[in-house]
Each structure stands twice: as structure tokens, then as C-alpha cells.
């Protein structure tokens, strides 16, 4: 399985992407300085991960032996809160948009399920 978790460094903490070998329990770090929050697998050993600088979200693709590349950069005040991929490599994201009006009349919060 792939996952993102905080990794403390001197003076800071970055979110990094890891894989876990379920048979041996060995954890392998796959990124360095990524600031990753969510991760999802893609075909051929590639994966996507989310970064968010507080202004906008960005989906980054990483493949073995290739440089990382940004697949999508969200507009300002749009933040990805969910990420999923299919075996075919299709990508689905759930986003939260700052200031979005909710159908229920409640103010938007960290969960976008009631918002458009």
C-alpha cells in the first residue's frame, strides 16, 4: 500500500509518500521534500500525490526513473480533500472551494459534501 505521512526534519516537517511491504513490514520512502497529503496509485508503478500551499492544490505524478510532473494545478481557493484512481489510471478528486455557498444554508467547512 501507498500512504502519505509527516516526516520530521530539522526545523520543519514535510509530508512524504511511503510504500509498505505487507509481508515484511518494511516501509520505503518514495519522495523527498514533497509536502504530500494524499496519495493514490496509477498503473505501471506510478502514483499521484496532493500538495496544498494554503492557496491552491496541486496534483503531482511520480513514476519510477522519471522526474515528477504537475498533472493539475487548481485555481486559487480550490483545495482537494479527496483523491482516488482507477486501475485504468482515471483520476477523481473531491474539492472544497473557499466561500462556496451550501444548499443547506450552513457556512462551508472542511467537508464539502453539502456544498456544490
N, C-alpha and C. Protein backbone atom coordinates (compact mmCIF):
# COMPACT_ATOMS: atom_id res chain seq x y z
N UNK A 1 0.82 -1.21 0.00
CA UNK A 1 0.00 0.00 0.00
C UNK A 1 0.86 1.27 0.00
N UNK A 2 0.32 2.32 -0.58
CA UNK A 2 0.94 3.65 -0.58
C UNK A 2 0.22 4.52 0.44
N UNK A 3 0.96 5.42 1.07
CA UNK A 3 0.35 6.36 2.01
C UNK A 3 1.27 7.56 2.17
N UNK A 4 0.69 8.66 2.64
CA UNK A 4 1.46 9.87 2.96
C UNK A 4 1.41 10.05 4.47
N UNK A 5 2.56 10.45 5.03
CA UNK A 5 2.61 10.73 6.47
C UNK A 5 3.66 11.80 6.72
N UNK A 6 3.53 12.51 7.84
CA UNK A 6 4.53 13.53 8.19
C UNK A 6 5.88 12.88 8.50
N UNK A 7 6.93 13.55 8.07
CA UNK A 7 8.29 13.10 8.36
C UNK A 7 9.05 14.29 8.93
N UNK A 8 9.33 14.29 10.24
CA UNK A 8 10.05 15.41 10.85
C UNK A 8 11.46 15.55 10.27
N UNK A 9 11.85 16.80 10.08
CA UNK A 9 13.21 17.15 9.65
C UNK A 9 13.67 18.29 10.54
N UNK A 10 14.96 18.57 10.57
CA UNK A 10 15.43 19.68 11.41
C UNK A 10 14.70 20.99 11.04
N UNK A 11 13.97 21.52 11.98
CA UNK A 11 13.31 22.81 11.79
C UNK A 11 11.98 22.76 11.07
N UNK A 12 11.55 21.60 10.58
CA UNK A 12 10.29 21.53 9.84
C UNK A 12 9.79 20.09 9.79
N UNK A 13 8.61 19.90 9.23
CA UNK A 13 8.06 18.57 8.98
C UNK A 13 7.40 18.60 7.61
N UNK A 14 7.76 17.65 6.75
CA UNK A 14 7.16 17.53 5.43
C UNK A 14 6.35 16.25 5.37
N UNK A 15 5.26 16.27 4.59
CA UNK A 15 4.53 15.05 4.30
C UNK A 15 5.24 14.34 3.16
N UNK A 16 5.53 13.07 3.34
CA UNK A 16 6.20 12.28 2.31
C UNK A 16 5.35 11.07 1.95
N UNK A 17 5.61 10.51 0.77
CA UNK A 17 4.91 9.31 0.30
C UNK A 17 5.77 8.10 0.62
N UNK A 18 5.10 7.06 1.14
CA UNK A 18 5.77 5.82 1.51
C UNK A 18 5.02 4.64 0.92
N UNK A 19 5.74 3.54 0.75
CA UNK A 19 5.09 2.26 0.45
C UNK A 19 5.40 1.32 1.61
N UNK A 20 4.52 0.37 1.81
CA UNK A 20 4.70 -0.59 2.89
C UNK A 20 4.60 -1.99 2.30
N UNK A 21 5.60 -2.80 2.54
CA UNK A 21 5.58 -4.20 2.15
C UNK A 21 4.84 -4.95 3.25
N UNK A 22 3.62 -5.38 2.95
CA UNK A 22 2.78 -6.01 3.97
C UNK A 22 3.39 -7.33 4.47
N UNK A 23 4.17 -7.99 3.65
CA UNK A 23 4.77 -9.26 4.04
C UNK A 23 5.87 -9.07 5.06
N UNK A 24 6.75 -8.08 4.82
CA UNK A 24 7.91 -7.88 5.70
C UNK A 24 7.72 -6.75 6.70
N UNK A 25 6.75 -5.86 6.44
CA UNK A 25 6.58 -4.69 7.30
C UNK A 25 7.56 -3.58 6.99
N UNK A 26 8.32 -3.71 5.91
CA UNK A 26 9.34 -2.70 5.56
C UNK A 26 8.68 -1.49 4.89
N UNK A 27 8.98 -0.32 5.43
CA UNK A 27 8.50 0.94 4.90
C UNK A 27 9.59 1.55 4.02
N UNK A 28 9.20 2.04 2.83
CA UNK A 28 10.14 2.67 1.92
C UNK A 28 9.65 4.06 1.56
N UNK A 29 10.48 5.06 1.79
CA UNK A 29 10.11 6.43 1.42
C UNK A 29 10.30 6.60 -0.08
N UNK A 30 9.28 7.16 -0.76
CA UNK A 30 9.30 7.31 -2.21
C UNK A 30 9.50 8.75 -2.66
N UNK A 31 9.38 9.73 -1.75
CA UNK A 31 9.56 11.14 -2.10
C UNK A 31 10.51 11.79 -1.12
N UNK A 32 10.96 12.97 -1.48
CA UNK A 32 11.81 13.76 -0.58
C UNK A 32 11.43 15.23 -0.72
N UNK A 33 10.93 15.81 0.37
CA UNK A 33 10.51 17.22 0.33
C UNK A 33 9.23 17.45 -0.44
N UNK A 34 8.39 16.43 -0.55
CA UNK A 34 7.19 16.51 -1.39
C UNK A 34 6.07 17.36 -0.80
N UNK A 35 5.98 17.43 0.51
CA UNK A 35 4.84 18.09 1.17
C UNK A 35 3.53 17.41 0.76
N UNK A 36 3.54 16.09 0.67
CA UNK A 36 2.39 15.31 0.21
C UNK A 36 1.35 15.17 1.31
N UNK A 37 0.07 15.18 0.90
CA UNK A 37 -1.03 15.00 1.85
C UNK A 37 -1.87 13.78 1.53
N UNK A 38 -2.19 13.56 0.28
CA UNK A 38 -2.96 12.39 -0.15
C UNK A 38 -2.16 11.71 -1.24
N UNK A 39 -2.35 10.40 -1.40
CA UNK A 39 -1.64 9.66 -2.45
C UNK A 39 -2.55 8.59 -3.01
N UNK A 40 -2.41 8.31 -4.31
CA UNK A 40 -3.20 7.26 -4.96
C UNK A 40 -2.34 6.62 -6.05
N UNK A 41 -2.45 5.29 -6.20
CA UNK A 41 -1.64 4.60 -7.21
C UNK A 41 -2.16 4.82 -8.62
N UNK A 42 -1.24 4.72 -9.57
CA UNK A 42 -1.54 4.74 -11.01
C UNK A 42 -0.94 3.48 -11.62
N UNK A 43 -1.31 3.14 -12.85
CA UNK A 43 -0.71 1.98 -13.50
C UNK A 43 0.81 2.13 -13.66
N UNK A 44 1.48 1.00 -13.85
CA UNK A 44 2.91 0.93 -14.16
C UNK A 44 3.81 1.47 -13.05
N UNK A 45 3.36 1.35 -11.80
CA UNK A 45 4.20 1.75 -10.68
C UNK A 45 4.21 3.24 -10.39
N UNK A 46 3.43 4.01 -11.12
CA UNK A 46 3.36 5.46 -10.89
C UNK A 46 2.35 5.74 -9.77
N UNK A 47 2.39 6.96 -9.24
CA UNK A 47 1.40 7.39 -8.26
C UNK A 47 1.21 8.89 -8.35
N UNK A 48 0.06 9.34 -7.86
CA UNK A 48 -0.25 10.77 -7.75
C UNK A 48 -0.23 11.13 -6.28
N UNK A 49 0.21 12.36 -6.00
CA UNK A 49 0.07 12.86 -4.64
C UNK A 49 -0.36 14.32 -4.68
N UNK A 50 -1.00 14.72 -3.61
CA UNK A 50 -1.54 16.07 -3.48
C UNK A 50 -0.61 16.92 -2.64
N UNK A 51 -0.39 18.14 -3.08
CA UNK A 51 0.23 19.16 -2.24
C UNK A 51 -0.73 20.33 -2.17
N UNK A 52 -0.64 21.10 -1.10
CA UNK A 52 -1.51 22.26 -0.94
C UNK A 52 -0.75 23.29 -0.12
N UNK A 53 -0.56 24.48 -0.70
CA UNK A 53 0.20 25.53 -0.02
C UNK A 53 -0.69 26.49 0.76
N UNK A 54 -1.97 26.14 0.90
CA UNK A 54 -2.91 27.01 1.60
C UNK A 54 -3.65 27.95 0.67
N UNK A 55 -3.14 28.12 -0.54
CA UNK A 55 -3.79 28.97 -1.54
C UNK A 55 -4.48 28.10 -2.59
N UNK A 56 -3.81 27.03 -3.01
CA UNK A 56 -4.35 26.14 -4.03
C UNK A 56 -3.76 24.74 -3.88
N UNK A 57 -4.41 23.77 -4.49
CA UNK A 57 -3.93 22.39 -4.51
C UNK A 57 -3.22 22.10 -5.81
N UNK A 58 -2.38 21.09 -5.76
CA UNK A 58 -1.65 20.65 -6.94
C UNK A 58 -1.54 19.13 -6.89
N UNK A 59 -1.83 18.46 -8.03
CA UNK A 59 -1.64 17.02 -8.15
C UNK A 59 -0.35 16.76 -8.90
N UNK A 60 0.52 15.98 -8.29
CA UNK A 60 1.84 15.70 -8.84
C UNK A 60 1.92 14.21 -9.15
N UNK A 61 2.49 13.88 -10.32
CA UNK A 61 2.67 12.49 -10.71
C UNK A 61 4.13 12.11 -10.55
N UNK A 62 4.36 10.92 -10.00
CA UNK A 62 5.70 10.38 -9.85
C UNK A 62 5.72 8.98 -10.46
N UNK A 63 6.71 8.72 -11.32
CA UNK A 63 6.89 7.42 -11.94
C UNK A 63 8.34 7.00 -11.76
N UNK A 64 8.59 5.71 -11.58
CA UNK A 64 9.96 5.24 -11.38
C UNK A 64 10.88 5.68 -12.53
N UNK A 65 12.03 6.27 -12.18
CA UNK A 65 13.02 6.67 -13.17
C UNK A 65 12.71 7.92 -13.96
N UNK A 66 11.63 8.63 -13.60
CA UNK A 66 11.25 9.85 -14.31
C UNK A 66 11.13 11.01 -13.33
N UNK A 67 11.35 12.25 -13.81
CA UNK A 67 11.14 13.39 -12.92
C UNK A 67 9.64 13.55 -12.61
N UNK A 68 9.32 14.08 -11.44
CA UNK A 68 7.92 14.34 -11.11
C UNK A 68 7.38 15.43 -12.02
N UNK A 69 6.08 15.40 -12.22
CA UNK A 69 5.45 16.45 -13.04
C UNK A 69 4.09 16.79 -12.47
N UNK A 70 3.73 18.06 -12.57
CA UNK A 70 2.43 18.52 -12.11
C UNK A 70 1.39 18.13 -13.15
N UNK A 71 0.39 17.37 -12.73
CA UNK A 71 -0.70 16.97 -13.64
C UNK A 71 -1.85 17.96 -13.61
N UNK A 72 -2.03 18.64 -12.48
CA UNK A 72 -3.13 19.60 -12.35
C UNK A 72 -2.80 20.59 -11.26
N UNK A 73 -3.06 21.86 -11.54
CA UNK A 73 -2.89 22.92 -10.54
C UNK A 73 -4.25 23.60 -10.42
N UNK A 74 -4.81 23.55 -9.22
CA UNK A 74 -6.13 24.14 -9.01
C UNK A 74 -6.09 25.65 -9.00
N UNK A 75 -7.22 26.27 -9.27
CA UNK A 75 -7.29 27.72 -9.16
C UNK A 75 -7.18 28.15 -7.70
N UNK A 76 -6.90 29.41 -7.45
CA UNK A 76 -6.83 29.88 -6.06
C UNK A 76 -8.11 29.55 -5.29
N UNK A 77 -7.94 29.19 -4.03
CA UNK A 77 -9.03 28.90 -3.11
C UNK A 77 -9.82 27.63 -3.44
N UNK A 78 -9.24 26.74 -4.26
CA UNK A 78 -9.83 25.43 -4.50
C UNK A 78 -8.85 24.40 -3.95
N UNK A 79 -9.34 23.57 -3.03
CA UNK A 79 -8.47 22.62 -2.32
C UNK A 79 -9.02 21.20 -2.45
N UNK A 80 -8.16 20.27 -2.84
CA UNK A 80 -8.54 18.87 -2.95
C UNK A 80 -8.63 18.28 -1.55
N UNK A 81 -9.75 17.61 -1.26
CA UNK A 81 -9.94 16.96 0.04
C UNK A 81 -10.09 15.45 -0.10
N UNK A 82 -10.18 14.96 -1.34
CA UNK A 82 -10.26 13.53 -1.59
C UNK A 82 -9.64 13.19 -2.93
N UNK A 83 -8.97 12.05 -3.02
CA UNK A 83 -8.27 11.64 -4.23
C UNK A 83 -8.44 10.14 -4.41
N UNK A 84 -8.82 9.72 -5.63
CA UNK A 84 -8.96 8.30 -5.94
C UNK A 84 -8.57 8.07 -7.39
N UNK A 85 -8.04 6.87 -7.68
CA UNK A 85 -7.69 6.50 -9.04
C UNK A 85 -8.25 5.11 -9.35
N UNK A 86 -8.43 4.84 -10.63
CA UNK A 86 -8.88 3.52 -11.06
C UNK A 86 -7.69 2.72 -11.57
N UNK A 87 -7.88 1.44 -11.79
CA UNK A 87 -6.81 0.60 -12.36
C UNK A 87 -6.42 1.07 -13.74
N UNK A 88 -7.33 1.72 -14.45
CA UNK A 88 -7.05 2.23 -15.79
C UNK A 88 -6.32 3.57 -15.76
N UNK A 89 -6.16 4.16 -14.58
CA UNK A 89 -5.47 5.44 -14.47
C UNK A 89 -6.38 6.66 -14.47
N UNK A 90 -7.69 6.45 -14.39
CA UNK A 90 -8.60 7.59 -14.29
C UNK A 90 -8.49 8.18 -12.90
N UNK A 91 -8.67 9.48 -12.81
CA UNK A 91 -8.47 10.20 -11.55
C UNK A 91 -9.77 10.90 -11.16
N UNK A 92 -10.12 10.80 -9.88
CA UNK A 92 -11.27 11.52 -9.34
C UNK A 92 -10.80 12.31 -8.13
N UNK A 93 -11.26 13.54 -8.01
CA UNK A 93 -10.93 14.36 -6.85
C UNK A 93 -12.21 14.95 -6.28
N UNK A 94 -12.20 15.17 -4.98
CA UNK A 94 -13.25 15.90 -4.30
C UNK A 94 -12.61 17.20 -3.85
N UNK A 95 -13.26 18.33 -4.13
CA UNK A 95 -12.66 19.62 -3.81
C UNK A 95 -13.54 20.42 -2.87
N UNK A 96 -12.90 21.28 -2.13
CA UNK A 96 -13.55 22.27 -1.29
C UNK A 96 -13.17 23.63 -1.84
N UNK A 97 -14.16 24.45 -2.09
CA UNK A 97 -13.94 25.77 -2.66
C UNK A 97 -14.23 26.81 -1.58
N UNK A 98 -13.25 27.61 -1.25
CA UNK A 98 -13.42 28.64 -0.22
C UNK A 98 -14.55 29.58 -0.60
N UNK A 99 -15.45 29.81 0.36
CA UNK A 99 -16.55 30.73 0.13
C UNK A 99 -17.72 30.14 -0.63
N UNK A 100 -17.72 28.84 -0.92
CA UNK A 100 -18.82 28.22 -1.65
C UNK A 100 -20.09 28.26 -0.82
N UNK A 101 -21.19 28.48 -1.48
CA UNK A 101 -22.48 28.50 -0.79
C UNK A 101 -23.00 27.09 -0.67
N UNK A 102 -23.52 26.74 0.48
CA UNK A 102 -24.06 25.41 0.71
C UNK A 102 -25.57 25.41 0.49
N UNK A 103 -26.09 24.32 -0.03
CA UNK A 103 -27.53 24.19 -0.24
C UNK A 103 -28.28 24.23 1.08
N UNK A 104 -27.66 23.73 2.13
CA UNK A 104 -28.34 23.66 3.42
C UNK A 104 -28.39 25.02 4.11
N UNK A 105 -27.68 26.00 3.57
CA UNK A 105 -27.64 27.32 4.18
C UNK A 105 -26.56 27.48 5.21
N UNK A 106 -25.89 26.37 5.56
CA UNK A 106 -24.80 26.45 6.53
C UNK A 106 -23.55 26.99 5.85
N UNK A 107 -22.69 27.57 6.64
CA UNK A 107 -21.42 28.06 6.13
C UNK A 107 -20.55 26.86 5.75
N UNK A 108 -19.76 26.95 4.65
CA UNK A 108 -18.89 25.84 4.28
C UNK A 108 -17.81 25.58 5.30
N UNK A 109 -17.47 24.33 5.47
CA UNK A 109 -16.42 23.93 6.37
C UNK A 109 -15.45 23.01 5.67
N UNK A 110 -14.69 22.25 6.44
CA UNK A 110 -13.69 21.39 5.82
C UNK A 110 -14.27 20.24 5.01
N UNK A 111 -15.54 19.90 5.22
CA UNK A 111 -16.17 18.82 4.48
C UNK A 111 -17.08 19.43 3.41
N UNK A 112 -16.86 19.05 2.17
CA UNK A 112 -17.59 19.66 1.05
C UNK A 112 -18.83 18.89 0.65
N UNK A 113 -19.24 17.89 1.42
CA UNK A 113 -20.35 17.04 1.00
C UNK A 113 -21.66 17.81 0.84
N UNK A 114 -21.85 18.89 1.60
CA UNK A 114 -23.10 19.65 1.49
C UNK A 114 -22.97 20.83 0.55
N UNK A 115 -21.80 21.02 -0.04
CA UNK A 115 -21.56 22.17 -0.90
C UNK A 115 -21.44 21.74 -2.35
N UNK A 116 -21.70 22.66 -3.26
CA UNK A 116 -21.51 22.38 -4.67
C UNK A 116 -20.08 22.55 -5.05
